[in-house]
N, C-alpha and C. Protein backbone atom coordinates (compact mmCIF):
# COMPACT_ATOMS: atom_id res chain seq x y z
N MET A 1 129.28 -21.72 -65.74
CA MET A 1 130.96 -21.16 -65.24
C MET A 1 131.41 -21.92 -64.13
N LEU A 2 132.69 -22.31 -64.66
CA LEU A 2 133.42 -23.31 -63.80
C LEU A 2 134.22 -22.69 -63.06
N LEU A 3 134.51 -22.34 -61.56
CA LEU A 3 135.42 -21.63 -60.87
C LEU A 3 136.27 -22.69 -60.09
N VAL A 4 137.78 -22.52 -60.34
CA VAL A 4 138.43 -22.97 -59.53
C VAL A 4 139.32 -22.23 -59.11
N ASN A 5 140.36 -22.81 -57.95
CA ASN A 5 141.53 -21.70 -57.40
C ASN A 5 142.84 -22.45 -57.94
N THR A 6 142.59 -23.67 -58.85
CA THR A 6 144.21 -23.98 -59.56
C THR A 6 144.19 -23.12 -60.65
N ASP A 7 145.67 -23.44 -61.05
CA ASP A 7 146.02 -22.63 -62.36
C ASP A 7 145.85 -23.40 -63.80
N TYR A 8 144.87 -24.56 -63.84
CA TYR A 8 144.54 -25.35 -64.59
C TYR A 8 143.34 -25.99 -64.58
N ILE A 9 142.90 -26.57 -65.38
CA ILE A 9 141.39 -27.24 -65.35
C ILE A 9 142.06 -28.95 -66.16
N SER A 10 141.84 -29.83 -65.24
CA SER A 10 142.34 -31.28 -65.86
C SER A 10 141.60 -31.66 -67.12
N GLY A 11 142.47 -31.93 -68.14
CA GLY A 11 141.80 -32.40 -69.13
C GLY A 11 141.41 -31.51 -70.22
N LYS A 12 141.56 -30.27 -70.00
CA LYS A 12 141.05 -28.79 -71.08
C LYS A 12 142.45 -27.92 -71.16
N GLU A 13 142.58 -27.71 -72.45
CA GLU A 13 143.34 -26.90 -72.71
C GLU A 13 143.00 -25.29 -72.74
N LEU A 14 143.35 -24.30 -72.49
CA LEU A 14 143.17 -23.26 -71.66
C LEU A 14 143.54 -21.91 -72.72
N LYS A 15 142.78 -20.88 -73.13
CA LYS A 15 143.08 -19.97 -73.54
C LYS A 15 142.82 -18.69 -72.42
N MET A 16 143.94 -17.85 -72.15
CA MET A 16 143.73 -17.07 -71.31
C MET A 16 143.13 -15.76 -71.98
N LEU A 17 142.24 -15.23 -71.05
CA LEU A 17 141.31 -13.93 -71.42
C LEU A 17 141.82 -12.83 -70.73
N GLY A 18 142.35 -12.91 -69.73
CA GLY A 18 142.51 -11.84 -68.70
C GLY A 18 142.22 -11.73 -67.36
N MET A 19 142.47 -11.06 -66.59
CA MET A 19 142.05 -11.24 -64.77
C MET A 19 140.42 -10.66 -65.02
N VAL A 20 139.83 -11.06 -63.93
CA VAL A 20 138.44 -10.44 -63.68
C VAL A 20 138.41 -10.18 -62.10
N SER A 21 137.54 -9.46 -61.76
CA SER A 21 137.20 -9.21 -60.53
C SER A 21 136.14 -8.80 -60.11
N GLY A 22 135.76 -8.63 -58.89
CA GLY A 22 134.61 -8.34 -58.17
C GLY A 22 134.57 -7.80 -56.76
N ALA A 23 134.17 -6.69 -56.60
CA ALA A 23 134.69 -6.08 -55.55
C ALA A 23 133.27 -5.75 -54.80
N VAL A 24 133.16 -5.40 -53.48
CA VAL A 24 132.12 -4.98 -52.54
C VAL A 24 132.60 -4.29 -51.61
N VAL A 25 132.11 -3.38 -51.28
CA VAL A 25 132.32 -2.39 -49.91
C VAL A 25 131.48 -2.69 -49.07
N LYS A 26 131.50 -2.99 -48.00
CA LYS A 26 130.28 -3.07 -46.78
C LYS A 26 130.45 -2.39 -45.58
N LYS A 27 129.40 -1.62 -44.98
CA LYS A 27 129.49 -1.11 -43.77
C LYS A 27 129.02 -1.92 -43.03
N THR A 28 129.72 -1.99 -41.61
CA THR A 28 129.63 -2.91 -40.81
C THR A 28 128.17 -2.70 -40.12
N THR A 29 127.41 -3.26 -39.57
CA THR A 29 126.25 -2.92 -38.54
C THR A 29 126.96 -2.64 -37.27
N SER A 30 126.16 -1.43 -37.02
CA SER A 30 126.61 -0.85 -35.67
C SER A 30 126.61 -2.18 -34.36
N GLU A 31 125.86 -3.19 -34.61
CA GLU A 31 126.40 -4.35 -33.38
C GLU A 31 127.47 -5.08 -33.37
N PHE A 32 128.12 -5.07 -34.57
CA PHE A 32 129.43 -5.29 -34.87
C PHE A 32 130.73 -4.92 -34.57
N GLY A 33 130.54 -3.65 -33.90
CA GLY A 33 131.36 -3.43 -33.30
C GLY A 33 131.46 -2.19 -32.05
N GLY A 34 132.98 -1.93 -31.52
CA GLY A 34 132.50 -1.11 -30.49
C GLY A 34 132.14 -1.37 -29.29
N GLN A 35 131.75 -0.34 -28.87
CA GLN A 35 130.83 -0.77 -27.38
C GLN A 35 129.66 -1.32 -27.29
N SER A 36 128.74 -1.39 -28.65
CA SER A 36 127.74 -2.04 -28.81
C SER A 36 128.20 -3.62 -28.61
N ARG A 37 129.14 -3.91 -28.86
CA ARG A 37 129.66 -5.43 -29.02
C ARG A 37 129.84 -5.57 -27.62
N SER A 38 130.38 -5.04 -26.84
CA SER A 38 130.69 -5.33 -25.41
C SER A 38 129.43 -5.45 -24.54
N LEU A 39 128.42 -4.37 -24.79
CA LEU A 39 127.16 -4.41 -24.24
C LEU A 39 126.28 -5.71 -24.59
N LYS A 40 126.72 -6.14 -25.75
CA LYS A 40 125.89 -7.55 -26.26
C LYS A 40 126.35 -8.77 -25.74
N ALA A 41 127.78 -8.60 -25.48
CA ALA A 41 128.49 -9.60 -24.87
C ALA A 41 128.08 -10.11 -23.66
N ILE A 42 127.71 -9.02 -22.59
CA ILE A 42 127.41 -8.87 -21.23
C ILE A 42 125.63 -9.57 -21.46
N ASN A 43 124.86 -8.53 -22.41
CA ASN A 43 123.44 -8.87 -21.74
C ASN A 43 122.83 -9.72 -23.31
N GLY A 44 123.56 -9.92 -24.21
CA GLY A 44 122.82 -10.81 -25.18
C GLY A 44 124.01 -12.25 -25.54
N ASN A 45 123.70 -12.71 -26.40
CA ASN A 45 124.14 -14.14 -26.60
C ASN A 45 125.27 -13.40 -27.53
N PRO A 46 126.68 -13.86 -27.53
CA PRO A 46 127.51 -13.44 -28.41
C PRO A 46 127.75 -14.41 -29.52
N MET A 47 127.25 -15.70 -29.40
CA MET A 47 127.33 -16.47 -30.48
C MET A 47 125.85 -15.99 -31.62
N ASP A 48 125.27 -15.61 -31.18
CA ASP A 48 124.36 -15.07 -32.25
C ASP A 48 124.90 -13.81 -32.78
N GLU A 49 125.62 -12.99 -32.18
CA GLU A 49 126.28 -11.92 -32.96
C GLU A 49 127.53 -12.56 -33.82
N LYS A 50 128.25 -13.36 -33.59
CA LYS A 50 128.85 -13.86 -34.47
C LYS A 50 128.54 -14.86 -35.69
N LYS A 51 127.41 -15.55 -35.32
CA LYS A 51 126.83 -16.31 -36.59
C LYS A 51 126.20 -14.85 -37.67
N LYS A 52 125.70 -13.89 -37.10
CA LYS A 52 124.96 -12.84 -38.01
C LYS A 52 126.15 -11.99 -38.71
N LYS A 53 127.51 -11.80 -37.86
CA LYS A 53 128.83 -11.39 -39.14
C LYS A 53 129.17 -12.30 -39.90
N ASP A 54 129.40 -13.46 -39.51
CA ASP A 54 129.34 -14.88 -40.56
C ASP A 54 128.49 -14.65 -41.73
N GLU A 55 127.23 -14.56 -41.35
CA GLU A 55 126.34 -14.64 -42.55
C GLU A 55 126.64 -13.16 -43.07
N GLU A 56 127.03 -12.09 -42.79
CA GLU A 56 126.96 -10.84 -43.27
C GLU A 56 128.14 -10.75 -44.63
N ILE A 57 129.30 -11.72 -43.79
CA ILE A 57 130.52 -11.56 -44.62
C ILE A 57 130.39 -12.53 -45.66
N ASN A 58 129.61 -13.78 -45.51
CA ASN A 58 129.62 -14.92 -46.55
C ASN A 58 128.55 -14.05 -47.92
N ASP A 59 127.44 -13.53 -47.55
CA ASP A 59 126.84 -12.67 -48.08
C ASP A 59 127.46 -11.82 -49.33
N VAL A 60 128.65 -11.17 -48.49
CA VAL A 60 129.56 -10.16 -49.58
C VAL A 60 130.39 -10.68 -50.11
N ARG A 61 131.00 -12.02 -49.91
CA ARG A 61 131.67 -12.97 -50.62
C ARG A 61 130.75 -13.33 -52.10
N ASN A 62 129.84 -13.56 -51.54
CA ASN A 62 129.02 -14.15 -52.81
C ASN A 62 128.55 -13.39 -53.76
N GLU A 63 128.25 -11.80 -53.01
CA GLU A 63 128.04 -10.69 -54.20
C GLU A 63 129.43 -10.50 -54.85
N ALA A 64 130.74 -10.25 -54.06
CA ALA A 64 131.38 -10.55 -54.99
C ALA A 64 131.89 -11.39 -56.14
N SER A 65 131.68 -12.51 -55.45
CA SER A 65 131.53 -13.72 -56.83
C SER A 65 131.04 -13.55 -58.02
N ILE A 66 129.92 -13.11 -57.57
CA ILE A 66 128.60 -12.62 -58.55
C ILE A 66 129.34 -11.98 -59.58
N LYS A 67 129.59 -10.51 -58.93
CA LYS A 67 130.30 -9.47 -59.63
C LYS A 67 131.58 -10.28 -61.06
N MET A 68 132.03 -11.02 -60.11
CA MET A 68 133.43 -11.49 -60.64
C MET A 68 132.91 -12.57 -62.17
N VAL A 69 131.96 -13.07 -61.97
CA VAL A 69 131.37 -14.06 -63.09
C VAL A 69 131.00 -13.35 -64.03
N LYS A 70 130.22 -12.35 -63.72
CA LYS A 70 129.98 -11.48 -64.55
C LYS A 70 130.73 -10.77 -65.78
N ALA A 71 131.52 -10.35 -64.98
CA ALA A 71 132.76 -9.69 -65.76
C ALA A 71 133.28 -10.95 -66.96
N ALA A 72 133.50 -11.65 -66.12
CA ALA A 72 134.23 -13.13 -67.05
C ALA A 72 132.92 -13.45 -68.42
N GLN A 73 131.94 -13.37 -67.98
CA GLN A 73 130.70 -13.81 -68.95
C GLN A 73 131.09 -12.54 -70.28
N LYS A 74 131.38 -11.61 -69.89
CA LYS A 74 131.37 -10.42 -70.97
C LYS A 74 132.74 -10.32 -71.82
N GLN A 75 133.45 -11.14 -71.16
CA GLN A 75 134.76 -11.76 -72.07
C GLN A 75 134.35 -13.05 -72.82
N GLY A 76 133.38 -13.56 -72.45
CA GLY A 76 133.37 -15.06 -73.17
C GLY A 76 133.83 -16.01 -72.53
N ALA A 77 134.00 -15.89 -71.37
CA ALA A 77 134.68 -17.03 -70.53
C ALA A 77 133.80 -18.06 -70.30
N ASP A 78 134.69 -19.69 -70.22
CA ASP A 78 133.90 -20.71 -70.08
C ASP A 78 134.07 -21.00 -68.42
N ALA A 79 135.36 -20.20 -67.92
CA ALA A 79 135.89 -20.64 -66.66
C ALA A 79 136.65 -19.60 -65.93
N ILE A 80 136.62 -19.59 -64.79
CA ILE A 80 137.49 -18.73 -64.16
C ILE A 80 138.60 -19.44 -63.21
N ILE A 81 139.95 -19.13 -63.44
CA ILE A 81 140.90 -20.04 -62.59
C ILE A 81 141.80 -19.26 -61.86
N ASN A 82 142.41 -20.19 -61.00
CA ASN A 82 143.21 -19.10 -59.94
C ASN A 82 142.69 -18.55 -59.21
N ILE A 83 141.37 -18.57 -58.57
CA ILE A 83 140.78 -17.17 -57.90
C ILE A 83 141.14 -17.32 -56.70
N ARG A 84 140.91 -16.08 -56.38
CA ARG A 84 141.58 -15.77 -54.84
C ARG A 84 140.36 -14.64 -54.47
N TYR A 85 140.74 -14.35 -53.11
CA TYR A 85 139.73 -13.30 -52.49
C TYR A 85 140.68 -12.58 -51.10
N THR A 86 140.28 -11.50 -51.54
CA THR A 86 140.86 -10.46 -50.19
C THR A 86 139.92 -9.74 -49.45
N ALA A 87 140.25 -9.61 -47.99
CA ALA A 87 139.27 -8.82 -47.42
C ALA A 87 140.09 -7.62 -46.80
N ALA A 88 139.93 -6.76 -46.68
CA ALA A 88 140.24 -5.61 -45.85
C ALA A 88 139.41 -4.37 -45.26
N ALA A 89 139.79 -3.92 -44.09
CA ALA A 89 139.11 -3.05 -43.42
C ALA A 89 139.52 -1.91 -44.25
N ILE A 90 138.60 -0.98 -44.28
CA ILE A 90 138.55 0.42 -45.17
C ILE A 90 138.86 1.68 -44.06
N SER A 91 137.70 1.63 -42.89
CA SER A 91 137.81 2.35 -41.93
C SER A 91 137.30 1.26 -40.74
N SER A 92 137.09 2.41 -39.61
CA SER A 92 136.53 1.42 -38.48
C SER A 92 135.15 0.93 -38.70
N ASP A 93 134.45 1.17 -39.82
CA ASP A 93 133.38 0.75 -39.93
C ASP A 93 132.89 0.48 -41.20
N SER A 94 133.66 0.12 -41.84
CA SER A 94 133.63 -0.46 -43.61
C SER A 94 134.83 -1.67 -43.66
N TYR A 95 134.44 -2.13 -44.88
CA TYR A 95 135.41 -3.35 -45.12
C TYR A 95 135.40 -3.65 -46.68
N GLU A 96 136.00 -4.25 -47.18
CA GLU A 96 136.16 -4.68 -49.13
C GLU A 96 136.43 -5.72 -49.01
N VAL A 97 135.57 -6.76 -49.76
CA VAL A 97 135.88 -8.27 -50.35
C VAL A 97 136.08 -7.86 -52.07
N MET A 98 137.39 -8.69 -51.97
CA MET A 98 137.34 -8.74 -53.44
C MET A 98 137.96 -10.07 -53.80
N MET A 99 137.06 -10.45 -55.10
CA MET A 99 137.47 -11.73 -55.55
C MET A 99 138.18 -11.50 -57.08
N TYR A 100 139.27 -12.32 -57.37
CA TYR A 100 139.53 -12.21 -58.54
C TYR A 100 140.31 -13.57 -59.03
N GLY A 101 140.48 -13.42 -60.50
CA GLY A 101 140.92 -14.76 -60.89
C GLY A 101 141.41 -14.68 -62.57
N THR A 102 141.52 -15.50 -63.44
CA THR A 102 141.84 -15.37 -64.77
C THR A 102 140.74 -16.19 -65.15
N ALA A 103 140.23 -15.20 -66.40
CA ALA A 103 138.84 -15.58 -67.24
C ALA A 103 139.79 -16.80 -68.37
N VAL A 104 139.18 -17.83 -68.53
CA VAL A 104 139.61 -18.67 -69.72
C VAL A 104 138.52 -18.84 -70.39
N LYS A 105 139.04 -19.57 -71.85
CA LYS A 105 138.11 -20.07 -72.88
C LYS A 105 138.60 -21.21 -72.96
N PHE A 106 137.62 -22.36 -73.16
CA PHE A 106 138.10 -23.97 -73.22
C PHE A 106 138.47 -23.84 -74.76
N VAL A 107 139.95 -24.29 -75.13
CA VAL A 107 140.11 -24.42 -76.90
C VAL A 107 139.38 -25.72 -76.97
N ARG A 108 138.88 -25.90 -77.99
CA ARG A 108 137.92 -26.80 -78.73
C ARG A 108 138.86 -27.62 -79.66
């Protein structure tokens, strides 16, 4: 499956199949928020905390991407174009990552 953030694929004629998306809601781990964060900054290594959070966010993005690709595969797509993603806080301890794009079939 080819994934691009452009609205075309050079050298390919495309048939649009429709929008596809993948969303993941994730609860943040307690070490990433509130008072615990302040204590970690004083007693621990704040860079370790940042690295863990970055890894967590990347994992969630990958999970959303996999869901989006599976939705496109169900439609028989060869690629997904114009891919975007959004992330939003849902509450003080959870967030959502959503990836979306247009599923397309190559015209042969």
